[in-house]
Amino acid sequence: MSGVPGVKRSEGSVVERLKTEPSDSPGCWHPPRSELSAAIMSDVIWPKRKRVEEGSALAGRHRRSRDTALERLVPAMPSKIVTVYAGKGGVGKTTLSYELAYSLGAVLVDLDWDAGGASGMWGYSPRQRQPRRPLVDALGSERTPSILTGDRRPDLVPSHPDLAVNQPEPADMRDLLAKWAVEWGRPWVVVDTHPGGGAIAFGALAAASVVVMPVVLGMRELDALEGTLGELKGYPILVVPNKVPPSPPVPLVDRLESVLAEAGDVPQTDVVSFYPWWARRQLRVALTSYDPIPARLGRAVEELRAVTTAVESYG
């Protein structure tokens, strides 16, 4: 197997394993993992697939017509998988996952095993449900995980603290998500990931039709976004400026535009504004579930629905 100049590979790394385990599941896009970035999107990884041009042509995938070579990398599939990912916590990833899942009528797969994630937001307590562990148990068997349903909440496959030490290989997670999506028969599946990555997060990224990446306008957060976009060149990324204040600092707005441009004109949605009451909210129902919409929630719901529309139109 030929190498790529200037890139060192460690034997048995995540990328090396993924390269030797191509998926048989329909609809999975197989971009490079973070260790090698876009430099190895070539016949070194997927010999039967045509090499994709890097840069803006790749990042502009959502604007391309379906008959382009780039679009043909993703075979038709009944369900689309939306992976919500961030290289840094505190950017609103879980809240966005929750609202997207409800708005899309999707199954929300919670891969964040820490407390305070989507499962807790939904009202699921793993301690009260012992010994049941729908997601962890499904990973160790051939079964498709059961789905929890609740009034005005997204359908959920809940996480569990044991997931931290029971993570499958990235290629296995990728294939399982694609398999489950077909078996659930839903048009959409939304996956909330653990902040910063990990084996199952890499698998969810590989399975994604679109990677939704929220970011807040802060120096450290923009540093993290820049690094993450560099690691994930070639992925179908859609950035969501989140928790944006009424008068955002111009230097930070300029920095965000620069980061997205340097990463290959990565697309972004309209902003989701900062709402002080959101962090104090105790209700478990999705904001987008209200009908009619309370006046004080109107703007927030409108912004969340605009993000949903951007996700639906991607690709």
C-alpha atoms as a PDB file:
ATOM      1  CA  MET A   1       0.000   0.000   0.000  1.00  0.00           C
ATOM      2  CA  SER A   2       1.532   3.299  -1.049  1.00  0.00           C
ATOM      3  CA  GLY A   3       1.992   6.078   1.438  1.00  0.00           C
ATOM      4  CA  VAL A   4       1.316   9.770   1.340  1.00  0.00           C
ATOM      5  CA  PRO A   5       4.438  11.956   1.496  1.00  0.00           C
ATOM      6  CA  GLY A   6       4.844  13.867   4.708  1.00  0.00           C
ATOM      7  CA  VAL A   7       2.217  11.904   6.651  1.00  0.00           C
ATOM      8  CA  LYS A   8       3.231   9.416   9.286  1.00  0.00           C
ATOM      9  CA  ARG A   9       0.947   6.509  10.044  1.00  0.00           C
ATOM     10  CA  SER A  10       1.095   4.521  13.220  1.00  0.00           C
ATOM     11  CA  GLU A  11       0.454   0.802  12.856  1.00  0.00           C
ATOM     12  CA  GLY A  12      -2.990  -0.104  14.111  1.00  0.00           C
ATOM     13  CA  SER A  13      -4.227   3.486  14.312  1.00  0.00           C
ATOM     14  CA  VAL A  14      -7.904   4.377  13.947  1.00  0.00           C
ATOM     15  CA  VAL A  15      -7.342   5.409  10.356  1.00  0.00           C
ATOM     16  CA  GLU A  16      -5.418   2.271   9.410  1.00  0.00           C
ATOM     17  CA  ARG A  17      -8.203   0.106  10.807  1.00  0.00           C
ATOM     18  CA  LEU A  18     -10.894   2.037   8.978  1.00  0.00           C
ATOM     19  CA  LYS A  19      -8.951   1.763   5.728  1.00  0.00           C
ATOM     20  CA  THR A  20      -9.013  -2.012   5.927  1.00  0.00           C
ATOM     21  CA  GLU A  21     -12.655  -2.264   6.965  1.00  0.00           C
ATOM     22  CA  PRO A  22     -14.771  -0.829   4.134  1.00  0.00           C
ATOM     23  CA  SER A  23     -18.484  -0.694   4.842  1.00  0.00           C
ATOM     24  CA  ASP A  24     -21.108  -2.764   3.079  1.00  0.00           C
ATOM     25  CA  SER A  25     -23.873  -0.531   4.434  1.00  0.00           C
ATOM     26  CA  PRO A  26     -25.642   1.747   1.932  1.00  0.00           C
ATOM     27  CA  GLY A  27     -25.395   5.494   2.219  1.00  0.00           C
ATOM     28  CA  CYS A  28     -22.173   5.740   4.180  1.00  0.00           C
ATOM     29  CA  TRP A  29     -19.643   8.304   3.047  1.00  0.00           C
ATOM     30  CA  HIS A  30     -16.093   7.351   3.921  1.00  0.00           C
ATOM     31  CA  PRO A  31     -13.932  10.468   4.326  1.00  0.00           C
ATOM     32  CA  PRO A  32     -10.499  10.395   5.974  1.00  0.00           C
ATOM     33  CA  ARG A  33     -10.171  10.361   9.738  1.00  0.00           C
ATOM     34  CA  SER A  34      -8.614  13.221  11.666  1.00  0.00           C
ATOM     35  CA  GLU A  35      -5.096  11.763  11.788  1.00  0.00           C
ATOM     36  CA  LEU A  36      -4.597  12.064   8.044  1.00  0.00           C
ATOM     37  CA  SER A  37      -7.099  14.763   7.062  1.00  0.00           C
ATOM     38  CA  ALA A  38      -7.907  15.351   3.409  1.00  0.00           C
ATOM     39  CA  ALA A  39      -4.432  14.368   2.221  1.00  0.00           C
ATOM     40  CA  ILE A  40      -5.391  10.692   2.065  1.00  0.00           C
ATOM     41  CA  MET A  41      -8.718  11.024   0.259  1.00  0.00           C
ATOM     42  CA  SER A  42      -7.398   8.900  -2.586  1.00  0.00           C
ATOM     43  CA  ASP A  43      -7.149   5.383  -3.916  1.00  0.00           C
ATOM     44  CA  VAL A  44      -4.996   4.591  -0.876  1.00  0.00           C
ATOM     45  CA  ILE A  45      -8.227   4.356   1.140  1.00  0.00           C
ATOM     46  CA  TRP A  46     -11.019   3.509  -1.244  1.00  0.00           C
ATOM     47  CA  PRO A  47      -9.460   2.083  -4.458  1.00  0.00           C
ATOM     48  CA  LYS A  48     -12.753   1.824  -6.321  1.00  0.00           C
ATOM     49  CA  ARG A  49     -13.793   5.404  -5.725  1.00  0.00           C
ATOM     50  CA  LYS A  50     -12.716   8.390  -7.692  1.00  0.00           C
ATOM     51  CA  ARG A  51     -10.503  10.873  -5.892  1.00  0.00           C
ATOM     52  CA  VAL A  52     -12.330  14.014  -4.840  1.00  0.00           C
ATOM     53  CA  GLU A  53     -10.929  17.468  -5.345  1.00  0.00           C
ATOM     54  CA  GLU A  54      -9.990  19.209  -2.119  1.00  0.00           C
ATOM     55  CA  GLY A  55     -10.810  22.726  -1.002  1.00  0.00           C
ATOM     56  CA  SER A  56     -13.814  24.812  -1.892  1.00  0.00           C
ATOM     57  CA  ALA A  57     -15.223  22.305  -4.365  1.00  0.00           C
ATOM     58  CA  LEU A  58     -15.497  19.791  -1.540  1.00  0.00           C
ATOM     59  CA  ALA A  59     -16.792  22.223   1.039  1.00  0.00           C
ATOM     60  CA  GLY A  60     -19.420  23.469  -1.396  1.00  0.00           C
ATOM     61  CA  ARG A  61     -20.937  20.018  -1.727  1.00  0.00           C
ATOM     62  CA  HIS A  62     -24.356  21.205  -0.513  1.00  0.00           C
ATOM     63  CA  ARG A  63     -24.600  23.565  -3.474  1.00  0.00           C
ATOM     64  CA  ARG A  64     -23.793  20.960  -6.107  1.00  0.00           C
ATOM     65  CA  SER A  65     -26.316  19.227  -8.297  1.00  0.00           C
ATOM     66  CA  ARG A  66     -26.907  15.552  -7.680  1.00  0.00           C
ATOM     67  CA  ASP A  67     -25.337  14.452 -10.947  1.00  0.00           C
ATOM     68  CA  THR A  68     -21.815  15.551 -10.064  1.00  0.00           C
ATOM     69  CA  ALA A  69     -19.032  13.097  -9.286  1.00  0.00           C
ATOM     70  CA  LEU A  70     -18.893  14.348  -5.710  1.00  0.00           C
ATOM     71  CA  GLU A  71     -22.561  13.571  -5.135  1.00  0.00           C
ATOM     72  CA  ARG A  72     -22.108  10.060  -6.448  1.00  0.00           C
ATOM     73  CA  LEU A  73     -19.776   9.319  -3.543  1.00  0.00           C
ATOM     74  CA  VAL A  74     -22.911   9.001  -1.394  1.00  0.00           C
ATOM     75  CA  PRO A  75     -25.187   6.189  -2.613  1.00  0.00           C
ATOM     76  CA  ALA A  76     -28.940   6.667  -2.232  1.00  0.00           C
ATOM     77  CA  MET A  77     -30.224   5.644   1.179  1.00  0.00           C
ATOM     78  CA  PRO A  78     -33.705   5.774   2.763  1.00  0.00           C
ATOM     79  CA  SER A  79     -32.451   7.709   5.788  1.00  0.00           C
ATOM     80  CA  LYS A  80     -30.074  10.617   6.236  1.00  0.00           C
ATOM     81  CA  ILE A  81     -27.805  10.731   9.272  1.00  0.00           C
ATOM     82  CA  VAL A  82     -27.070  14.089  10.880  1.00  0.00           C
ATOM     83  CA  THR A  83     -24.071  13.982  13.204  1.00  0.00           C
ATOM     84  CA  VAL A  84     -23.832  16.937  15.575  1.00  0.00           C
ATOM     85  CA  TYR A  85     -20.210  17.383  16.565  1.00  0.00           C
ATOM     86  CA  ALA A  86     -17.974  19.944  18.259  1.00  0.00           C
ATOM     87  CA  GLY A  87     -14.328  19.883  19.239  1.00  0.00           C
ATOM     88  CA  LYS A  88     -15.133  21.840  22.393  1.00  0.00           C
ATOM     89  CA  GLY A  89     -17.943  21.649  24.920  1.00  0.00           C
ATOM     90  CA  GLY A  90     -20.274  24.453  25.877  1.00  0.00           C
ATOM     91  CA  VAL A  91     -21.255  25.476  22.352  1.00  0.00           C
ATOM     92  CA  GLY A  92     -24.872  24.243  22.486  1.00  0.00           C
ATOM     93  CA  LYS A  93     -24.336  20.939  20.708  1.00  0.00           C
ATOM     94  CA  THR A  94     -26.821  18.911  22.742  1.00  0.00           C
ATOM     95  CA  THR A  95     -29.604  21.504  22.687  1.00  0.00           C
ATOM     96  CA  LEU A  96     -29.225  21.815  18.928  1.00  0.00           C
ATOM     97  CA  SER A  97     -29.305  18.010  18.536  1.00  0.00           C
ATOM     98  CA  TYR A  98     -32.484  17.825  20.619  1.00  0.00           C
ATOM     99  CA  GLU A  99     -34.312  20.486  18.628  1.00  0.00           C
ATOM    100  CA  LEU A 100     -33.123  19.206  15.254  1.00  0.00           C
ATOM    101  CA  ALA A 101     -34.273  15.681  16.079  1.00  0.00           C
ATOM    102  CA  TYR A 102     -37.724  16.868  17.077  1.00  0.00           C
ATOM    103  CA  SER A 103     -38.137  19.160  14.063  1.00  0.00           C
ATOM    104  CA  LEU A 104     -36.976  16.478  11.613  1.00  0.00           C
ATOM    105  CA  GLY A 105     -39.074  13.721  13.191  1.00  0.00           C
ATOM    106  CA  ALA A 106     -35.792  11.881  13.691  1.00  0.00           C
ATOM    107  CA  VAL A 107     -34.527   9.281  16.103  1.00  0.00           C
ATOM    108  CA  LEU A 108     -32.008  10.962  18.415  1.00  0.00           C
ATOM    109  CA  VAL A 109     -29.075   8.656  19.178  1.00  0.00           C
ATOM    110  CA  ASP A 110     -27.236   9.950  22.249  1.00  0.00           C
ATOM    111  CA  LEU A 111     -23.546   8.992  22.155  1.00  0.00           C
ATOM    112  CA  ASP A 112     -22.598  11.375  24.992  1.00  0.00           C
ATOM    113  CA  TRP A 113     -22.240   9.267  28.128  1.00  0.00           C
ATOM    114  CA  ASP A 114     -21.676  12.206  30.507  1.00  0.00           C
ATOM    115  CA  ALA A 115     -24.442  13.548  32.730  1.00  0.00           C
ATOM    116  CA  GLY A 116     -26.174  16.635  31.396  1.00  0.00           C
ATOM    117  CA  GLY A 117     -26.567  15.292  27.864  1.00  0.00           C
ATOM    118  CA  ALA A 118     -29.582  14.745  25.654  1.00  0.00           C
ATOM    119  CA  SER A 119     -30.794  11.720  27.638  1.00  0.00           C
ATOM    120  CA  GLY A 120     -30.992  13.775  30.828  1.00  0.00           C
ATOM    121  CA  MET A 121     -32.645  16.633  28.960  1.00  0.00           C
ATOM    122  CA  TRP A 122     -35.248  14.137  27.741  1.00  0.00           C
ATOM    123  CA  GLY A 123     -35.864  12.931  31.312  1.00  0.00           C
ATOM    124  CA  TYR A 124     -34.105   9.584  31.066  1.00  0.00           C
ATOM    125  CA  SER A 125     -32.215   8.396  34.145  1.00  0.00           C
ATOM    126  CA  PRO A 126     -29.983   5.321  33.642  1.00  0.00           C
ATOM    127  CA  ARG A 127     -29.991   4.625  37.380  1.00  0.00           C
ATOM    128  CA  GLN A 128     -33.780   4.353  37.424  1.00  0.00           C
ATOM    129  CA  ARG A 129     -33.741   2.093  34.352  1.00  0.00           C
ATOM    130  CA  GLN A 130     -31.155  -0.440  35.564  1.00  0.00           C
ATOM    131  CA  PRO A 131     -30.310  -3.008  34.382  1.00  0.00           C
ATOM    132  CA  ARG A 132     -31.582  -1.831  30.969  1.00  0.00           C
ATOM    133  CA  ARG A 133     -28.991  -0.173  28.717  1.00  0.00           C
ATOM    134  CA  PRO A 134     -30.618   0.025  25.255  1.00  0.00           C
ATOM    135  CA  LEU A 135     -27.647   1.488  23.393  1.00  0.00           C
ATOM    136  CA  VAL A 136     -24.823  -0.335  25.188  1.00  0.00           C
ATOM    137  CA  ASP A 137     -26.639  -3.665  25.009  1.00  0.00           C
ATOM    138  CA  ALA A 138     -27.351  -3.225  21.294  1.00  0.00           C
ATOM    139  CA  LEU A 139     -23.684  -2.541  20.594  1.00  0.00           C
ATOM    140  CA  GLY A 140     -22.775  -5.938  21.980  1.00  0.00           C
ATOM    141  CA  SER A 141     -25.441  -7.866  20.079  1.00  0.00           C
ATOM    142  CA  GLU A 142     -27.165  -8.082  16.726  1.00  0.00           C
ATOM    143  CA  ARG A 143     -30.241  -6.273  18.026  1.00  0.00           C
ATOM    144  CA  THR A 144     -31.398  -2.829  16.951  1.00  0.00           C
ATOM    145  CA  PRO A 145     -31.743  -0.569  20.022  1.00  0.00           C
ATOM    146  CA  SER A 146     -35.229   0.180  21.245  1.00  0.00           C
ATOM    147  CA  ILE A 147     -36.529   3.742  20.986  1.00  0.00           C
ATOM    148  CA  LEU A 148     -38.074   5.751  23.800  1.00  0.00           C
ATOM    149  CA  THR A 149     -40.966   8.043  22.910  1.00  0.00           C
ATOM    150  CA  GLY A 150     -42.350  10.988  24.829  1.00  0.00           C
ATOM    151  CA  ASP A 151     -44.893  13.724  24.296  1.00  0.00           C
ATOM    152  CA  ARG A 152     -43.379  16.702  22.442  1.00  0.00           C
ATOM    153  CA  ARG A 153     -39.895  15.259  22.829  1.00  0.00           C
ATOM    154  CA  PRO A 154     -37.710  13.641  20.180  1.00  0.00           C
ATOM    155  CA  ASP A 155     -37.705   9.852  19.961  1.00  0.00           C
ATOM    156  CA  LEU A 156     -34.575   8.754  21.802  1.00  0.00           C
ATOM    157  CA  VAL A 157     -31.987   6.009  21.994  1.00  0.00           C
ATOM    158  CA  PRO A 158     -30.542   6.970  25.380  1.00  0.00           C
ATOM    159  CA  SER A 159     -26.924   6.921  26.370  1.00  0.00           C
ATOM    160  CA  HIS A 160     -25.461   5.292  29.482  1.00  0.00           C
ATOM    161  CA  PRO A 161     -22.334   5.908  31.603  1.00  0.00           C
ATOM    162  CA  ASP A 162     -21.082   2.428  30.645  1.00  0.00           C
ATOM    163  CA  LEU A 163     -20.724   3.622  27.055  1.00  0.00           C
ATOM    164  CA  ALA A 164     -17.470   5.329  28.069  1.00  0.00           C
ATOM    165  CA  VAL A 165     -15.777   1.940  28.407  1.00  0.00           C
ATOM    166  CA  ASN A 166     -17.848  -0.004  25.860  1.00  0.00           C
ATOM    167  CA  GLN A 167     -17.125   1.859  22.655  1.00  0.00           C
ATOM    168  CA  PRO A 168     -17.054  -0.118  19.418  1.00  0.00           C
ATOM    169  CA  GLU A 169     -14.464   0.459  16.728  1.00  0.00           C
ATOM    170  CA  PRO A 170     -15.228   3.495  14.516  1.00  0.00           C
ATOM    171  CA  ALA A 171     -15.934   1.337  11.458  1.00  0.00           C
ATOM    172  CA  ASP A 172     -18.358  -0.794  13.465  1.00  0.00           C
ATOM    173  CA  MET A 173     -20.165   2.268  14.811  1.00  0.00           C
ATOM    174  CA  ARG A 174     -20.410   3.682  11.308  1.00  0.00           C
ATOM    175  CA  ASP A 175     -21.966   0.494   9.966  1.00  0.00           C
ATOM    176  CA  LEU A 176     -24.328   0.064  12.905  1.00  0.00           C
ATOM    177  CA  LEU A 177     -25.732   3.581  12.535  1.00  0.00           C
ATOM    178  CA  ALA A 178     -26.391   2.984   8.849  1.00  0.00           C
ATOM    179  CA  LYS A 179     -28.022  -0.388   9.622  1.00  0.00           C
ATOM    180  CA  TRP A 180     -30.188   1.003  12.414  1.00  0.00           C
ATOM    181  CA  ALA A 181     -31.302   3.940  10.284  1.00  0.00           C
ATOM    182  CA  VAL A 182     -32.634   1.522   7.662  1.00  0.00           C
ATOM    183  CA  GLU A 183     -34.298  -0.731  10.237  1.00  0.00           C
ATOM    184  CA  TRP A 184     -36.003   2.183  12.010  1.00  0.00           C
ATOM    185  CA  GLY A 185     -37.441   3.287   8.688  1.00  0.00           C
ATOM    186  CA  ARG A 186     -37.133   6.979   9.534  1.00  0.00           C
ATOM    187  CA  PRO A 187     -36.148   9.623   6.978  1.00  0.00           C
ATOM    188  CA  TRP A 188     -33.703  11.154   9.487  1.00  0.00           C
ATOM    189  CA  VAL A 189     -31.442  10.069  12.320  1.00  0.00           C
ATOM    190  CA  VAL A 190     -29.684  12.656  14.494  1.00  0.00           C
ATOM    191  CA  VAL A 191     -26.574  11.636  16.448  1.00  0.00           C
ATOM    192  CA  ASP A 192     -25.332  13.692  19.399  1.00  0.00           C
ATOM    193  CA  THR A 193     -21.655  13.000  20.052  1.00  0.00           C
ATOM    194  CA  HIS A 194     -19.357  13.337  23.030  1.00  0.00           C
ATOM    195  CA  PRO A 195     -17.403  16.623  22.927  1.00  0.00           C
ATOM    196  CA  GLY A 196     -13.957  16.305  21.417  1.00  0.00           C
ATOM    197  CA  GLY A 197     -14.272  13.011  19.575  1.00  0.00           C
ATOM    198  CA  GLY A 198     -13.519   9.419  20.523  1.00  0.00           C
ATOM    199  CA  ALA A 199     -13.988   6.132  18.709  1.00  0.00           C
ATOM    200  CA  ILE A 200     -17.773   6.279  18.433  1.00  0.00           C
ATOM    201  CA  ALA A 201     -17.695   9.945  17.409  1.00  0.00           C
ATOM    202  CA  PHE A 202     -15.369   9.063  14.501  1.00  0.00           C
ATOM    203  CA  GLY A 203     -17.825   6.346  13.501  1.00  0.00           C
ATOM    204  CA  ALA A 204     -20.758   8.770  13.624  1.00  0.00           C
ATOM    205  CA  LEU A 205     -18.805  11.255  11.506  1.00  0.00           C
ATOM    206  CA  ALA A 206     -18.120   8.591   8.883  1.00  0.00           C
ATOM    207  CA  ALA A 207     -21.803   7.676   8.702  1.00  0.00           C
ATOM    208  CA  ALA A 208     -23.025  11.267   8.377  1.00  0.00           C
ATOM    209  CA  SER A 209     -24.862  12.764   5.436  1.00  0.00           C
ATOM    210  CA  VAL A 210     -24.133  16.120   7.069  1.00  0.00           C
ATOM    211  CA  VAL A 211     -22.032  17.093  10.092  1.00  0.00           C
ATOM    212  CA  VAL A 212     -23.649  19.954  11.998  1.00  0.00           C
ATOM    213  CA  MET A 213     -21.023  21.888  13.936  1.00  0.00           C
ATOM    214  CA  PRO A 214     -22.187  24.626  16.354  1.00  0.00           C
ATOM    215  CA  VAL A 215     -19.751  27.334  17.419  1.00  0.00           C
ATOM    216  CA  VAL A 216     -19.969  30.355  19.706  1.00  0.00           C
ATOM    217  CA  LEU A 217     -18.103  33.588  19.079  1.00  0.00           C
ATOM    218  CA  GLY A 218     -15.249  33.260  21.561  1.00  0.00           C
ATOM    219  CA  MET A 219     -11.502  33.160  20.982  1.00  0.00           C
ATOM    220  CA  ARG A 220     -10.976  29.673  22.412  1.00  0.00           C
ATOM    221  CA  GLU A 221     -14.063  28.337  20.677  1.00  0.00           C
ATOM    222  CA  LEU A 222     -12.932  29.709  17.326  1.00  0.00           C
ATOM    223  CA  ASP A 223      -9.475  28.226  17.912  1.00  0.00           C
ATOM    224  CA  ALA A 224     -11.168  24.862  18.491  1.00  0.00           C
ATOM    225  CA  LEU A 225     -13.303  25.262  15.363  1.00  0.00           C
ATOM    226  CA  GLU A 226     -10.246  26.069  13.266  1.00  0.00           C
ATOM    227  CA  GLY A 227      -8.458  22.974  14.513  1.00  0.00           C
ATOM    228  CA  THR A 228     -11.489  20.747  14.034  1.00  0.00           C
ATOM    229  CA  LEU A 229     -12.100  21.940  10.480  1.00  0.00           C
ATOM    230  CA  GLY A 230      -8.454  21.256   9.716  1.00  0.00           C
ATOM    231  CA  GLU A 231      -8.759  17.711  11.043  1.00  0.00           C
ATOM    232  CA  LEU A 232     -12.032  17.031   9.233  1.00  0.00           C
ATOM    233  CA  LYS A 233     -11.277  18.337   5.762  1.00  0.00           C
ATOM    234  CA  GLY A 234     -13.457  16.505   3.309  1.00  0.00           C
ATOM    235  CA  TYR A 235     -16.415  16.002   5.616  1.00  0.00           C
ATOM    236  CA  PRO A 236     -19.838  17.483   4.697  1.00  0.00           C
ATOM    237  CA  ILE A 237     -19.800  20.167   7.404  1.00  0.00           C
ATOM    238  CA  LEU A 238     -22.433  22.796   8.131  1.00  0.00           C
ATOM    239  CA  VAL A 239     -21.415  25.346  10.792  1.00  0.00           C
ATOM    240  CA  VAL A 240     -24.058  26.899  13.051  1.00  0.00           C
ATOM    241  CA  PRO A 241     -23.098  30.197  14.761  1.00  0.00           C
ATOM    242  CA  ASN A 242     -24.782  29.694  18.143  1.00  0.00           C
ATOM    243  CA  LYS A 243     -25.508  31.804  21.228  1.00  0.00           C
ATOM    244  CA  VAL A 244     -24.757  34.930  19.209  1.00  0.00           C
ATOM    245  CA  PRO A 245     -25.249  38.175  21.217  1.00  0.00           C
ATOM    246  CA  PRO A 246     -27.308  41.070  19.842  1.00  0.00           C
ATOM    247  CA  SER A 247     -24.145  43.025  19.025  1.00  0.00           C
ATOM    248  CA  PRO A 248     -21.420  40.465  18.344  1.00  0.00           C
ATOM    249  CA  PRO A 249     -17.814  41.711  18.469  1.00  0.00           C
ATOM    250  CA  VAL A 250     -16.754  42.567  14.940  1.00  0.00           C
ATOM    251  CA  PRO A 251     -13.241  41.041  15.311  1.00  0.00           C
ATOM    252  CA  LEU A 252     -14.782  37.689  16.271  1.00  0.00           C
ATOM    253  CA  VAL A 253     -17.248  37.808  13.399  1.00  0.00           C
ATOM    254  CA  ASP A 254     -14.332  38.521  11.053  1.00  0.00           C
ATOM    255  CA  ARG A 255     -12.359  35.671  12.595  1.00  0.00           C
ATOM    256  CA  LEU A 256     -15.229  33.221  12.017  1.00  0.00           C
ATOM    257  CA  GLU A 257     -15.499  34.274   8.384  1.00  0.00           C
ATOM    258  CA  SER A 258     -11.746  33.879   7.980  1.00  0.00           C
ATOM    259  CA  VAL A 259     -11.701  30.414   9.569  1.00  0.00           C
ATOM    260  CA  LEU A 260     -14.508  29.192   7.314  1.00  0.00           C
ATOM    261  CA  ALA A 261     -12.892  30.674   4.204  1.00  0.00           C
ATOM    262  CA  GLU A 262      -9.458  29.209   4.930  1.00  0.00           C
ATOM    263  CA  ALA A 263     -11.033  25.789   5.488  1.00  0.00           C
ATOM    264  CA  GLY A 264     -12.445  25.870   1.952  1.00  0.00           C
ATOM    265  CA  ASP A 265     -15.506  28.116   2.223  1.00  0.00           C
ATOM    266  CA  VAL A 266     -17.278  25.842   4.686  1.00  0.00           C
ATOM    267  CA  PRO A 267     -20.992  26.720   4.629  1.00  0.00           C
ATOM    268  CA  GLN A 268     -22.813  28.155   7.627  1.00  0.00           C
ATOM    269  CA  THR A 269     -26.437  28.614   8.629  1.00  0.00           C
ATOM    270  CA  ASP A 270     -28.129  31.742   9.883  1.00  0.00           C
ATOM    271  CA  VAL A 271     -27.289  32.500  13.510  1.00  0.00           C
ATOM    272  CA  VAL A 272     -29.040  31.222  16.608  1.00  0.00           C
ATOM    273  CA  SER A 273     -29.119  34.071  19.111  1.00  0.00           C
ATOM    274  CA  PHE A 274     -28.144  34.060  22.772  1.00  0.00           C
ATOM    275  CA  TYR A 275     -31.121  33.770  25.135  1.00  0.00           C
ATOM    276  CA  PRO A 276     -30.317  34.065  28.869  1.00  0.00           C
ATOM    277  CA  TRP A 277     -33.424  32.093  29.836  1.00  0.00           C
ATOM    278  CA  TRP A 278     -32.416  29.046  27.796  1.00  0.00           C
ATOM    279  CA  ALA A 279     -29.831  27.783  30.311  1.00  0.00           C
ATOM    280  CA  ARG A 280     -32.405  28.045  33.129  1.00  0.00           C
ATOM    281  CA  ARG A 281     -35.152  26.229  31.248  1.00  0.00           C
ATOM    282  CA  GLN A 282     -36.443  23.131  33.061  1.00  0.00           C
ATOM    283  CA  LEU A 283     -39.181  21.933  30.706  1.00  0.00           C
ATOM    284  CA  ARG A 284     -38.290  18.815  28.741  1.00  0.00           C
ATOM    285  CA  VAL A 285     -40.458  19.518  25.707  1.00  0.00           C
ATOM    286  CA  ALA A 286     -38.705  20.785  22.583  1.00  0.00           C
ATOM    287  CA  LEU A 287     -38.958  24.509  21.934  1.00  0.00           C
ATOM    288  CA  THR A 288     -40.033  23.733  18.390  1.00  0.00           C
ATOM    289  CA  SER A 289     -42.958  21.630  19.671  1.00  0.00           C
ATOM    290  CA  TYR A 290     -45.135  24.603  20.627  1.00  0.00           C
ATOM    291  CA  ASP A 291     -48.288  25.219  18.613  1.00  0.00           C
ATOM    292  CA  PRO A 292     -49.173  28.018  18.856  1.00  0.00           C
ATOM    293  CA  ILE A 293     -45.750  29.445  19.636  1.00  0.00           C
ATOM    294  CA  PRO A 294     -45.592  31.681  22.737  1.00  0.00           C
ATOM    295  CA  ALA A 295     -44.580  35.217  21.827  1.00  0.00           C
ATOM    296  CA  ARG A 296     -41.406  35.186  23.899  1.00  0.00           C
ATOM    297  CA  LEU A 297     -40.214  32.008  22.160  1.00  0.00           C
ATOM    298  CA  GLY A 298     -41.067  33.137  18.655  1.00  0.00           C
ATOM    299  CA  ARG A 299     -37.656  34.359  17.570  1.00  0.00           C
ATOM    300  CA  ALA A 300     -35.792  31.363  19.016  1.00  0.00           C
ATOM    301  CA  VAL A 301     -38.158  28.895  17.331  1.00  0.00           C
ATOM    302  CA  GLU A 302     -37.825  30.752  14.027  1.00  0.00           C
ATOM    303  CA  GLU A 303     -34.021  30.562  14.216  1.00  0.00           C
ATOM    304  CA  LEU A 304     -34.067  26.851  15.091  1.00  0.00           C
ATOM    305  CA  ARG A 305     -36.414  26.112  12.208  1.00  0.00           C
ATOM    306  CA  ALA A 306     -34.115  28.010   9.859  1.00  0.00           C
ATOM    307  CA  VAL A 307     -31.260  25.716  10.938  1.00  0.00           C
ATOM    308  CA  THR A 308     -33.509  22.697  10.330  1.00  0.00           C
ATOM    309  CA  THR A 309     -34.293  23.964   6.834  1.00  0.00           C
ATOM    310  CA  ALA A 310     -30.560  24.394   6.125  1.00  0.00           C
ATOM    311  CA  VAL A 311     -29.918  20.802   7.210  1.00  0.00           C
ATOM    312  CA  GLU A 312     -32.789  19.498   5.073  1.00  0.00           C
ATOM    313  CA  SER A 313     -31.501  21.316   1.998  1.00  0.00           C
ATOM    314  CA  TYR A 314     -27.875  20.264   2.467  1.00  0.00           C
ATOM    315  CA  GLY A 315     -26.701  17.916  -0.262  1.00  0.00           C
END
